[in-house]
N, C-alpha and C. Protein backbone atom coordinates (compact mmCIF):
# COMPACT_ATOMS: atom_id res chain seq x y z
N MET A 1 -61.44 84.73 -66.22
CA MET A 1 -61.77 83.82 -65.14
C MET A 1 -63.28 83.59 -65.17
N GLY A 2 -63.69 82.34 -65.23
CA GLY A 2 -65.10 82.00 -65.31
C GLY A 2 -65.79 82.05 -63.96
N LEU A 3 -67.08 81.90 -64.00
CA LEU A 3 -67.89 81.94 -62.79
C LEU A 3 -67.48 80.85 -61.81
N MET A 4 -67.29 79.64 -62.31
CA MET A 4 -66.91 78.54 -61.43
C MET A 4 -65.54 78.77 -60.79
N ASP A 5 -64.60 79.29 -61.55
CA ASP A 5 -63.29 79.59 -61.00
C ASP A 5 -63.40 80.65 -59.91
N ASN A 6 -64.24 81.63 -60.15
CA ASN A 6 -64.48 82.69 -59.18
C ASN A 6 -65.05 82.11 -57.89
N LEU A 7 -66.05 81.26 -58.01
CA LEU A 7 -66.66 80.64 -56.83
C LEU A 7 -65.66 79.78 -56.07
N LYS A 8 -64.89 78.98 -56.79
CA LYS A 8 -63.90 78.12 -56.14
C LYS A 8 -62.89 78.96 -55.36
N ALA A 9 -62.45 80.05 -55.95
CA ALA A 9 -61.47 80.91 -55.29
C ALA A 9 -62.05 81.52 -54.02
N LYS A 10 -63.31 81.91 -54.06
CA LYS A 10 -63.93 82.54 -52.89
C LYS A 10 -64.27 81.52 -51.81
N LEU A 11 -64.56 80.29 -52.20
CA LEU A 11 -64.95 79.27 -51.22
C LEU A 11 -63.78 78.49 -50.65
N ALA A 12 -62.60 78.65 -51.20
CA ALA A 12 -61.43 77.90 -50.73
C ALA A 12 -61.16 78.12 -49.24
N PRO A 13 -61.17 79.34 -48.73
CA PRO A 13 -60.94 79.52 -47.29
C PRO A 13 -62.00 78.83 -46.43
N ALA A 14 -63.24 78.84 -46.86
CA ALA A 14 -64.30 78.18 -46.10
C ALA A 14 -64.09 76.67 -46.10
N LYS A 15 -63.66 76.13 -47.23
CA LYS A 15 -63.42 74.70 -47.32
C LYS A 15 -62.30 74.29 -46.36
N ASP A 16 -61.27 75.11 -46.27
CA ASP A 16 -60.17 74.83 -45.35
C ASP A 16 -60.65 74.87 -43.90
N LYS A 17 -61.51 75.81 -43.57
CA LYS A 17 -62.04 75.90 -42.21
C LYS A 17 -62.90 74.70 -41.88
N VAL A 18 -63.72 74.27 -42.83
CA VAL A 18 -64.57 73.10 -42.61
C VAL A 18 -63.71 71.86 -42.43
N SER A 19 -62.68 71.73 -43.23
CA SER A 19 -61.78 70.59 -43.13
C SER A 19 -61.09 70.57 -41.76
N ASP A 20 -60.64 71.73 -41.31
CA ASP A 20 -59.99 71.83 -40.00
C ASP A 20 -60.97 71.45 -38.89
N PHE A 21 -62.21 71.96 -38.98
CA PHE A 21 -63.24 71.62 -38.01
C PHE A 21 -63.50 70.12 -38.00
N ALA A 22 -63.58 69.52 -39.17
CA ALA A 22 -63.85 68.08 -39.27
C ALA A 22 -62.72 67.28 -38.64
N GLN A 23 -61.49 67.73 -38.80
CA GLN A 23 -60.36 67.03 -38.20
C GLN A 23 -60.39 67.10 -36.68
N ARG A 24 -60.71 68.28 -36.16
CA ARG A 24 -60.70 68.46 -34.70
C ARG A 24 -61.89 67.83 -34.01
N HIS A 25 -63.04 67.78 -34.67
CA HIS A 25 -64.27 67.33 -34.02
C HIS A 25 -64.93 66.15 -34.73
N GLU A 26 -64.13 65.30 -35.32
CA GLU A 26 -64.67 64.20 -36.12
C GLU A 26 -65.60 63.30 -35.30
N ASP A 27 -65.20 62.96 -34.10
CA ASP A 27 -66.03 62.06 -33.29
C ASP A 27 -67.37 62.70 -32.91
N LYS A 28 -67.37 63.99 -32.60
CA LYS A 28 -68.61 64.68 -32.25
C LYS A 28 -69.55 64.78 -33.45
N VAL A 29 -69.00 65.05 -34.61
CA VAL A 29 -69.82 65.16 -35.81
C VAL A 29 -70.42 63.80 -36.17
N GLN A 30 -69.61 62.74 -36.09
CA GLN A 30 -70.10 61.39 -36.37
C GLN A 30 -71.24 61.04 -35.40
N HIS A 31 -71.07 61.38 -34.12
CA HIS A 31 -72.11 61.12 -33.13
C HIS A 31 -73.37 61.91 -33.46
N GLY A 32 -73.21 63.16 -33.90
CA GLY A 32 -74.36 63.98 -34.27
C GLY A 32 -75.11 63.42 -35.47
N ILE A 33 -74.37 62.91 -36.43
CA ILE A 33 -75.00 62.29 -37.61
C ILE A 33 -75.83 61.07 -37.17
N ASP A 34 -75.24 60.24 -36.31
CA ASP A 34 -75.96 59.06 -35.82
C ASP A 34 -77.21 59.46 -35.03
N ARG A 35 -77.07 60.46 -34.20
CA ARG A 35 -78.19 60.91 -33.37
C ARG A 35 -79.32 61.47 -34.23
N ALA A 36 -78.97 62.28 -35.21
CA ALA A 36 -79.98 62.85 -36.11
C ALA A 36 -80.69 61.73 -36.89
N ALA A 37 -79.94 60.76 -37.35
CA ALA A 37 -80.53 59.64 -38.09
C ALA A 37 -81.50 58.86 -37.20
N ARG A 38 -81.10 58.65 -35.96
CA ARG A 38 -81.96 57.91 -35.02
C ARG A 38 -83.27 58.67 -34.76
N VAL A 39 -83.18 59.98 -34.57
CA VAL A 39 -84.37 60.80 -34.31
C VAL A 39 -85.30 60.79 -35.52
N VAL A 40 -84.75 60.97 -36.71
CA VAL A 40 -85.58 60.98 -37.92
C VAL A 40 -86.23 59.62 -38.12
N ASP A 41 -85.48 58.56 -37.86
CA ASP A 41 -86.03 57.21 -38.01
C ASP A 41 -87.20 56.99 -37.03
N GLU A 42 -87.04 57.49 -35.81
CA GLU A 42 -88.12 57.36 -34.83
C GLU A 42 -89.34 58.18 -35.25
N LYS A 43 -89.11 59.39 -35.73
CA LYS A 43 -90.23 60.26 -36.13
C LYS A 43 -90.99 59.70 -37.32
N THR A 44 -90.30 59.01 -38.21
CA THR A 44 -90.97 58.43 -39.39
C THR A 44 -91.40 56.99 -39.12
N LYS A 45 -91.23 56.55 -37.87
CA LYS A 45 -91.64 55.21 -37.44
C LYS A 45 -91.04 54.10 -38.32
N GLY A 46 -89.78 54.29 -38.71
CA GLY A 46 -89.06 53.28 -39.46
C GLY A 46 -89.42 53.16 -40.92
N LYS A 47 -90.31 54.02 -41.40
CA LYS A 47 -90.78 53.93 -42.78
C LYS A 47 -89.64 54.14 -43.79
N TYR A 48 -88.69 54.98 -43.45
CA TYR A 48 -87.60 55.32 -44.38
C TYR A 48 -86.25 54.85 -43.85
N SER A 49 -86.22 53.78 -43.08
CA SER A 49 -84.97 53.32 -42.45
C SER A 49 -83.85 53.08 -43.46
N ASN A 50 -84.16 52.45 -44.58
CA ASN A 50 -83.12 52.17 -45.58
C ASN A 50 -82.54 53.45 -46.15
N LYS A 51 -83.39 54.41 -46.44
CA LYS A 51 -82.91 55.67 -47.01
C LYS A 51 -82.12 56.47 -45.97
N ILE A 52 -82.56 56.43 -44.73
CA ILE A 52 -81.85 57.12 -43.65
C ILE A 52 -80.48 56.49 -43.45
N GLN A 53 -80.43 55.17 -43.44
CA GLN A 53 -79.17 54.46 -43.27
C GLN A 53 -78.21 54.78 -44.43
N SER A 54 -78.73 54.81 -45.63
CA SER A 54 -77.91 55.13 -46.80
C SER A 54 -77.37 56.55 -46.71
N GLY A 55 -78.22 57.49 -46.35
CA GLY A 55 -77.80 58.89 -46.22
C GLY A 55 -76.79 59.07 -45.12
N THR A 56 -76.97 58.35 -44.02
CA THR A 56 -76.03 58.43 -42.91
C THR A 56 -74.65 57.93 -43.34
N GLY A 57 -74.63 56.84 -44.08
CA GLY A 57 -73.35 56.31 -44.57
C GLY A 57 -72.65 57.29 -45.50
N LYS A 58 -73.42 57.92 -46.36
CA LYS A 58 -72.83 58.90 -47.28
C LYS A 58 -72.32 60.12 -46.53
N ALA A 59 -73.07 60.57 -45.52
CA ALA A 59 -72.64 61.73 -44.72
C ALA A 59 -71.36 61.42 -43.96
N LYS A 60 -71.28 60.22 -43.41
CA LYS A 60 -70.06 59.82 -42.69
C LYS A 60 -68.88 59.70 -43.65
N GLY A 61 -69.12 59.19 -44.83
CA GLY A 61 -68.06 59.10 -45.82
C GLY A 61 -67.53 60.46 -46.22
N ALA A 62 -68.44 61.41 -46.38
CA ALA A 62 -68.04 62.78 -46.72
C ALA A 62 -67.24 63.40 -45.58
N MET A 63 -67.66 63.15 -44.34
CA MET A 63 -66.92 63.67 -43.20
C MET A 63 -65.53 63.06 -43.13
N ASP A 64 -65.43 61.77 -43.38
CA ASP A 64 -64.12 61.12 -43.39
C ASP A 64 -63.20 61.74 -44.44
N ARG A 65 -63.75 61.98 -45.62
CA ARG A 65 -62.93 62.59 -46.68
C ARG A 65 -62.49 63.99 -46.29
N LEU A 66 -63.37 64.76 -45.66
CA LEU A 66 -63.00 66.11 -45.22
C LEU A 66 -61.97 66.07 -44.10
N ALA A 67 -62.20 65.20 -43.13
CA ALA A 67 -61.33 65.15 -41.96
C ALA A 67 -59.94 64.64 -42.31
N HIS A 68 -59.83 63.78 -43.30
CA HIS A 68 -58.53 63.19 -43.63
C HIS A 68 -57.92 63.77 -44.88
N LYS A 69 -58.47 64.85 -45.37
CA LYS A 69 -57.94 65.50 -46.57
C LYS A 69 -56.54 66.03 -46.26
N GLY A 70 -55.58 65.60 -47.09
CA GLY A 70 -54.23 66.13 -46.95
C GLY A 70 -53.40 65.48 -45.87
N ASP A 71 -53.89 64.40 -45.23
CA ASP A 71 -53.07 63.71 -44.25
C ASP A 71 -51.85 63.14 -44.93
N ASP A 72 -50.70 63.28 -44.32
CA ASP A 72 -49.46 62.75 -44.89
C ASP A 72 -49.01 61.54 -44.09
N THR A 73 -48.57 60.53 -44.79
CA THR A 73 -48.00 59.35 -44.15
C THR A 73 -46.50 59.50 -44.12
N ALA A 74 -45.82 58.50 -43.62
CA ALA A 74 -44.36 58.55 -43.54
C ALA A 74 -43.72 58.67 -44.91
N THR A 75 -44.41 58.20 -45.95
CA THR A 75 -43.83 58.27 -47.29
C THR A 75 -44.09 59.61 -47.95
N GLY A 76 -44.91 60.45 -47.31
CA GLY A 76 -45.18 61.76 -47.88
C GLY A 76 -46.32 61.76 -48.87
N THR A 77 -47.05 60.67 -48.96
CA THR A 77 -48.18 60.63 -49.89
C THR A 77 -49.47 60.85 -49.12
N SER A 78 -50.45 61.32 -49.82
CA SER A 78 -51.74 61.56 -49.22
C SER A 78 -52.54 60.27 -49.23
N THR A 79 -53.20 59.98 -48.11
CA THR A 79 -54.01 58.77 -48.03
C THR A 79 -55.48 59.13 -48.04
N ARG A 80 -56.27 58.25 -48.56
CA ARG A 80 -57.71 58.46 -48.63
C ARG A 80 -58.36 57.41 -47.74
N PRO A 81 -59.31 57.82 -46.88
CA PRO A 81 -59.96 56.83 -46.04
C PRO A 81 -60.79 55.87 -46.87
N PRO A 82 -61.06 54.69 -46.35
CA PRO A 82 -61.85 53.73 -47.11
C PRO A 82 -63.26 54.26 -47.33
N ASP A 83 -63.86 53.82 -48.43
CA ASP A 83 -65.23 54.23 -48.73
C ASP A 83 -66.17 53.66 -47.67
N ALA A 84 -67.30 54.33 -47.49
CA ALA A 84 -68.29 53.85 -46.54
C ALA A 84 -68.81 52.50 -47.01
N PRO A 85 -69.13 51.62 -46.04
CA PRO A 85 -69.64 50.32 -46.44
C PRO A 85 -70.99 50.46 -47.13
N PRO A 86 -71.30 49.54 -48.04
CA PRO A 86 -72.60 49.64 -48.74
C PRO A 86 -73.73 49.41 -47.75
N PRO A 87 -74.86 50.04 -47.99
CA PRO A 87 -75.99 49.87 -47.08
C PRO A 87 -76.48 48.43 -47.09
N THR A 88 -76.88 47.98 -45.91
CA THR A 88 -77.41 46.62 -45.82
C THR A 88 -78.89 46.63 -46.16
N THR A 89 -79.34 45.57 -46.77
CA THR A 89 -80.76 45.51 -47.13
C THR A 89 -81.47 44.44 -46.35
């Protein structure tokens, strides 16, 4: 068993806990991401707005993937949430 396999095996329970947390508190986490982005944007006086917006979109996309991991539809297949929209320029 290689190092990566060892790490994956040890981190699997943590990943499940994070996924469960994301499912239960998705709205609060999304709000926290928005709030943090707003604060950072204010502190940098808008200098990095595009990068902050891009990072926020990626963070929300990752949360969506975690929160909806393993959701089953009526057909029994797993669905994947849509990708985050591209950042506006």
